Structures are given as structure tokens and as C-alpha cells.
């Protein structure tokens, strides 16, 4: 079964988005083993207080051991895809890992390590909302790959 990992720089907590995310994760689990990983360390907290460069480096450090298979970085400057194009990112047997950065986004080093750098939208949205959009698009991608009518 396909493995999909979602990594986010985010403090753990419950909010209204988690109900949506769990719903889509359950739907995705019909097609793939999905794991949602929240990462927020003391180093990230300290770096964010120091500035953009330090925070970006801390995000990259936190994610470096998580990179496996196809690594997809979410970045406002990344390539915009339609749902068909997005579905091609998950339509193979390799593990797929999605990375959502913190408030300062990613530096060039992290983007260079990625297999793909994509944008969910040119609109600015909160990280929590971006996660929900990502989970819905992952589900939509698997329905496209598996010819399920949801995507139409």
C-alpha cells in the first residue's frame, strides 16, 4: 500500500481543522497508509524568535531525517498544479512526503532537496488551513488515480 507522510511545523493542539483533517485521513486510508506528523522543537521556537534565516534553517534541520521517497515541499512560490497534475505526484509505489514549513517558509537548501516544490494557491492561508486543503487534495488525487467519481 502507498505510504504518504505529511510533516508540518506546528504546535500540537486541537481545533476545528482537526475534525476535517481526520475525516480526509480516514478517506485516504482506503488508498494509502497516511501519517500526519507535527514537529515543533525548542530549537524551532528559539530560531523563530531570532529571525527568518534561523527559523528556516531550523525547519530544514527538523525535516532532514524525514525526507524519503518523493519529497514535496509546499511553498507559495512553488509550481501551481491542477488536481490531475497533483495526482501524478502520488501515482507510484514510492513513499511520498509533504512538508509544510513554519511562519517563515523554507530556505533554498530545503527547496533544493525536494523532488517537487508546489504551491496550493497564490493566496496566503494559515498553516492549519493549508493542511486541510492538502489532505483534501491528497484524497482527490487518489480518487483520480483510482477512477473514483469523487473528483468529477
C-alpha atoms as a PDB file:
ATOM      1  CA  UNK A   1       0.000   0.000   0.000  1.00  0.00           C
ATOM      2  CA  UNK A   2       1.216   3.508  -0.850  1.00  0.00           C
ATOM      3  CA  UNK A   3       2.731   5.430   2.078  1.00  0.00           C
ATOM      4  CA  UNK A   4       2.039   9.145   2.465  1.00  0.00           C
ATOM      5  CA  UNK A   5       3.555  11.359   5.132  1.00  0.00           C
ATOM      6  CA  UNK A   6       2.521  14.909   5.963  1.00  0.00           C
ATOM      7  CA  UNK A   7       5.015  16.882   8.043  1.00  0.00           C
ATOM      8  CA  UNK A   8       4.103  20.265   9.485  1.00  0.00           C
ATOM      9  CA  UNK A   9       5.921  22.793  11.628  1.00  0.00           C
ATOM     10  CA  UNK A  10       3.097  23.206  14.075  1.00  0.00           C
ATOM     11  CA  UNK A  11       2.411  23.018  17.785  1.00  0.00           C
ATOM     12  CA  UNK A  12       0.120  20.163  18.727  1.00  0.00           C
ATOM     13  CA  UNK A  13      -3.381  21.159  19.596  1.00  0.00           C
ATOM     14  CA  UNK A  14      -7.000  20.501  18.817  1.00  0.00           C
ATOM     15  CA  UNK A  15      -9.072  22.855  16.735  1.00  0.00           C
ATOM     16  CA  UNK A  16     -11.869  22.823  14.188  1.00  0.00           C
ATOM     17  CA  UNK A  17      -9.463  21.891  11.376  1.00  0.00           C
ATOM     18  CA  UNK A  18      -8.562  18.582  13.014  1.00  0.00           C
ATOM     19  CA  UNK A  19     -12.097  17.244  12.507  1.00  0.00           C
ATOM     20  CA  UNK A  20     -11.778  17.940   8.776  1.00  0.00           C
ATOM     21  CA  UNK A  21      -8.252  16.512   8.609  1.00  0.00           C
ATOM     22  CA  UNK A  22      -9.240  13.297  10.387  1.00  0.00           C
ATOM     23  CA  UNK A  23     -12.182  12.921   8.008  1.00  0.00           C
ATOM     24  CA  UNK A  24      -9.917  13.129   4.955  1.00  0.00           C
ATOM     25  CA  UNK A  25      -7.259  10.939   6.537  1.00  0.00           C
ATOM     26  CA  UNK A  26      -9.901   8.237   7.036  1.00  0.00           C
ATOM     27  CA  UNK A  27     -10.936   8.538   3.382  1.00  0.00           C
ATOM     28  CA  UNK A  28      -7.288   8.476   2.224  1.00  0.00           C
ATOM     29  CA  UNK A  29      -6.640   5.327   4.287  1.00  0.00           C
ATOM     30  CA  UNK A  30      -8.699   3.352   1.726  1.00  0.00           C
ATOM     31  CA  UNK A  31      -5.906   4.022  -0.763  1.00  0.00           C
ATOM     32  CA  UNK A  32      -2.764   4.693   1.272  1.00  0.00           C
ATOM     33  CA  UNK A  33      -1.167   4.463   4.667  1.00  0.00           C
ATOM     34  CA  UNK A  34      -1.246   8.145   5.717  1.00  0.00           C
ATOM     35  CA  UNK A  35       0.691   9.611   8.626  1.00  0.00           C
ATOM     36  CA  UNK A  36       0.279  13.125   9.975  1.00  0.00           C
ATOM     37  CA  UNK A  37       3.354  14.438  11.802  1.00  0.00           C
ATOM     38  CA  UNK A  38       3.523  17.684  13.754  1.00  0.00           C
ATOM     39  CA  UNK A  39       7.000  18.939  14.545  1.00  0.00           C
ATOM     40  CA  UNK A  40       7.771  21.797  16.897  1.00  0.00           C
ATOM     41  CA  UNK A  41      11.018  21.698  18.864  1.00  0.00           C
ATOM     42  CA  UNK A  42      12.753  24.019  21.307  1.00  0.00           C
ATOM     43  CA  UNK A  43      15.255  24.774  18.540  1.00  0.00           C
ATOM     44  CA  UNK A  44      12.447  25.883  16.209  1.00  0.00           C
ATOM     45  CA  UNK A  45      10.886  28.019  18.923  1.00  0.00           C
ATOM     46  CA  UNK A  46      14.217  29.709  19.661  1.00  0.00           C
ATOM     47  CA  UNK A  47      15.092  30.162  15.972  1.00  0.00           C
ATOM     48  CA  UNK A  48      11.733  31.780  15.181  1.00  0.00           C
ATOM     49  CA  UNK A  49      12.439  34.393  17.837  1.00  0.00           C
ATOM     50  CA  UNK A  50      15.873  35.054  16.305  1.00  0.00           C
ATOM     51  CA  UNK A  51      14.713  35.686  12.739  1.00  0.00           C
ATOM     52  CA  UNK A  52      13.763  34.378   9.324  1.00  0.00           C
ATOM     53  CA  UNK A  53      17.080  32.760   8.310  1.00  0.00           C
ATOM     54  CA  UNK A  54      17.456  30.986  11.624  1.00  0.00           C
ATOM     55  CA  UNK A  55      13.855  29.761  11.559  1.00  0.00           C
ATOM     56  CA  UNK A  56      14.140  28.458   8.001  1.00  0.00           C
ATOM     57  CA  UNK A  57      17.342  26.605   8.884  1.00  0.00           C
ATOM     58  CA  UNK A  58      15.642  25.090  11.941  1.00  0.00           C
ATOM     59  CA  UNK A  59      12.714  23.889   9.820  1.00  0.00           C
ATOM     60  CA  UNK A  60      15.103  22.236   7.377  1.00  0.00           C
ATOM     61  CA  UNK A  61      17.048  20.623  10.222  1.00  0.00           C
ATOM     62  CA  UNK A  62      13.833  19.285  11.762  1.00  0.00           C
ATOM     63  CA  UNK A  63      12.750  17.762   8.455  1.00  0.00           C
ATOM     64  CA  UNK A  64      16.101  16.432   7.204  1.00  0.00           C
ATOM     65  CA  UNK A  65      15.647  12.968   8.718  1.00  0.00           C
ATOM     66  CA  UNK A  66      12.052  12.783   7.409  1.00  0.00           C
ATOM     67  CA  UNK A  67      12.919  13.028   3.729  1.00  0.00           C
ATOM     68  CA  UNK A  68      12.279   9.734   1.972  1.00  0.00           C
ATOM     69  CA  UNK A  69      10.972   8.705  -1.416  1.00  0.00           C
ATOM     70  CA  UNK A  70       9.279  11.587  -3.222  1.00  0.00           C
ATOM     71  CA  UNK A  71       9.633  14.787  -1.169  1.00  0.00           C
ATOM     72  CA  UNK A  72       7.185  17.585  -1.878  1.00  0.00           C
ATOM     73  CA  UNK A  73       7.717  20.988  -0.310  1.00  0.00           C
ATOM     74  CA  UNK A  74       4.763  23.358  -0.111  1.00  0.00           C
ATOM     75  CA  UNK A  75       5.881  26.886  -0.886  1.00  0.00           C
ATOM     76  CA  UNK A  76       3.960  29.976  -2.059  1.00  0.00           C
ATOM     77  CA  UNK A  77       6.475  30.367  -4.911  1.00  0.00           C
ATOM     78  CA  UNK A  78       6.212  26.745  -5.974  1.00  0.00           C
ATOM     79  CA  UNK A  79       4.640  25.363  -9.116  1.00  0.00           C
ATOM     80  CA  UNK A  80       0.865  25.518  -9.246  1.00  0.00           C
ATOM     81  CA  UNK A  81      -0.783  22.275 -10.312  1.00  0.00           C
ATOM     82  CA  UNK A  82      -4.307  21.318 -11.193  1.00  0.00           C
ATOM     83  CA  UNK A  83      -5.739  18.250  -9.456  1.00  0.00           C
ATOM     84  CA  UNK A  84      -4.744  15.958 -12.337  1.00  0.00           C
ATOM     85  CA  UNK A  85      -1.141  17.157 -12.105  1.00  0.00           C
ATOM     86  CA  UNK A  86      -1.202  16.816  -8.321  1.00  0.00           C
ATOM     87  CA  UNK A  87      -2.491  13.239  -8.663  1.00  0.00           C
ATOM     88  CA  UNK A  88       0.601  12.301 -10.686  1.00  0.00           C
ATOM     89  CA  UNK A  89       2.720  13.133  -7.609  1.00  0.00           C
ATOM     90  CA  UNK A  90       1.175  10.234  -5.687  1.00  0.00           C
ATOM     91  CA  UNK A  91       0.612   7.766  -8.548  1.00  0.00           C
ATOM     92  CA  UNK A  92       3.568   5.448  -7.931  1.00  0.00           C
ATOM     93  CA  UNK A  93       4.815   2.988  -5.337  1.00  0.00           C
ATOM     94  CA  UNK A  94       7.422   5.158  -3.638  1.00  0.00           C
ATOM     95  CA  UNK A  95       6.616   6.810  -0.308  1.00  0.00           C
ATOM     96  CA  UNK A  96       5.504  10.427  -0.693  1.00  0.00           C
ATOM     97  CA  UNK A  97       6.305  13.052   1.947  1.00  0.00           C
ATOM     98  CA  UNK A  98       4.712  16.509   2.010  1.00  0.00           C
ATOM     99  CA  UNK A  99       6.372  19.307   4.003  1.00  0.00           C
ATOM    100  CA  UNK A 100       4.625  22.401   5.347  1.00  0.00           C
ATOM    101  CA  UNK A 101       7.035  24.920   6.847  1.00  0.00           C
ATOM    102  CA  UNK A 102       6.565  27.336   9.670  1.00  0.00           C
ATOM    103  CA  UNK A 103       5.795  31.034   9.598  1.00  0.00           C
ATOM    104  CA  UNK A 104       8.941  31.834   7.594  1.00  0.00           C
ATOM    105  CA  UNK A 105       8.618  29.129   4.943  1.00  0.00           C
ATOM    106  CA  UNK A 106      11.621  27.261   3.597  1.00  0.00           C
ATOM    107  CA  UNK A 107      15.087  28.322   2.552  1.00  0.00           C
ATOM    108  CA  UNK A 108      16.761  27.461  -0.755  1.00  0.00           C
ATOM    109  CA  UNK A 109      18.526  24.461   0.809  1.00  0.00           C
ATOM    110  CA  UNK A 110      15.262  22.753   1.754  1.00  0.00           C
ATOM    111  CA  UNK A 111      13.661  23.570  -1.592  1.00  0.00           C
ATOM    112  CA  UNK A 112      16.717  22.141  -3.400  1.00  0.00           C
ATOM    113  CA  UNK A 113      16.419  18.833  -1.503  1.00  0.00           C
ATOM    114  CA  UNK A 114      12.803  18.438  -2.605  1.00  0.00           C
ATOM    115  CA  UNK A 115      11.668  16.327  -5.528  1.00  0.00           C
ATOM    116  CA  UNK A 116       8.957  18.935  -6.168  1.00  0.00           C
ATOM    117  CA  UNK A 117       8.167  22.406  -4.849  1.00  0.00           C
ATOM    118  CA  UNK A 118       4.483  23.181  -5.249  1.00  0.00           C
ATOM    119  CA  UNK A 119       2.019  25.854  -4.238  1.00  0.00           C
ATOM    120  CA  UNK A 120      -1.509  25.038  -3.122  1.00  0.00           C
ATOM    121  CA  UNK A 121      -2.563  28.548  -4.107  1.00  0.00           C
ATOM    122  CA  UNK A 122      -1.226  32.028  -4.725  1.00  0.00           C
ATOM    123  CA  UNK A 123      -3.462  33.074  -1.838  1.00  0.00           C
ATOM    124  CA  UNK A 124      -1.875  33.310   1.578  1.00  0.00           C
ATOM    125  CA  UNK A 125      -3.518  30.967   4.068  1.00  0.00           C
ATOM    126  CA  UNK A 126      -2.818  29.804   7.580  1.00  0.00           C
ATOM    127  CA  UNK A 127      -0.767  26.641   8.015  1.00  0.00           C
ATOM    128  CA  UNK A 128      -3.745  24.927   9.613  1.00  0.00           C
ATOM    129  CA  UNK A 129      -5.965  25.718   6.656  1.00  0.00           C
ATOM    130  CA  UNK A 130      -3.219  24.694   4.213  1.00  0.00           C
ATOM    131  CA  UNK A 131      -3.061  21.299   5.923  1.00  0.00           C
ATOM    132  CA  UNK A 132      -6.803  20.791   5.426  1.00  0.00           C
ATOM    133  CA  UNK A 133      -6.548  21.795   1.765  1.00  0.00           C
ATOM    134  CA  UNK A 134      -3.598  19.417   1.369  1.00  0.00           C
ATOM    135  CA  UNK A 135      -5.456  16.471   2.918  1.00  0.00           C
ATOM    136  CA  UNK A 136      -8.448  17.083   0.646  1.00  0.00           C
ATOM    137  CA  UNK A 137      -6.187  17.256  -2.408  1.00  0.00           C
ATOM    138  CA  UNK A 138      -4.379  14.059  -1.420  1.00  0.00           C
ATOM    139  CA  UNK A 139      -7.745  12.312  -1.185  1.00  0.00           C
ATOM    140  CA  UNK A 140      -8.835  13.831  -4.510  1.00  0.00           C
ATOM    141  CA  UNK A 141      -5.550  12.645  -6.086  1.00  0.00           C
ATOM    142  CA  UNK A 142      -6.150   9.070  -5.006  1.00  0.00           C
ATOM    143  CA  UNK A 143      -9.717   9.168  -6.336  1.00  0.00           C
ATOM    144  CA  UNK A 144      -8.360  10.373  -9.684  1.00  0.00           C
ATOM    145  CA  UNK A 145      -5.713   7.644  -9.766  1.00  0.00           C
ATOM    146  CA  UNK A 146      -8.337   5.026  -8.859  1.00  0.00           C
ATOM    147  CA  UNK A 147     -11.090   6.339 -11.168  1.00  0.00           C
ATOM    148  CA  UNK A 148     -13.443   7.086  -8.275  1.00  0.00           C
ATOM    149  CA  UNK A 149     -16.160   9.639  -9.177  1.00  0.00           C
ATOM    150  CA  UNK A 150     -15.378  11.998  -6.221  1.00  0.00           C
ATOM    151  CA  UNK A 151     -13.029  14.107  -8.332  1.00  0.00           C
ATOM    152  CA  UNK A 152     -15.603  14.965 -11.010  1.00  0.00           C
END
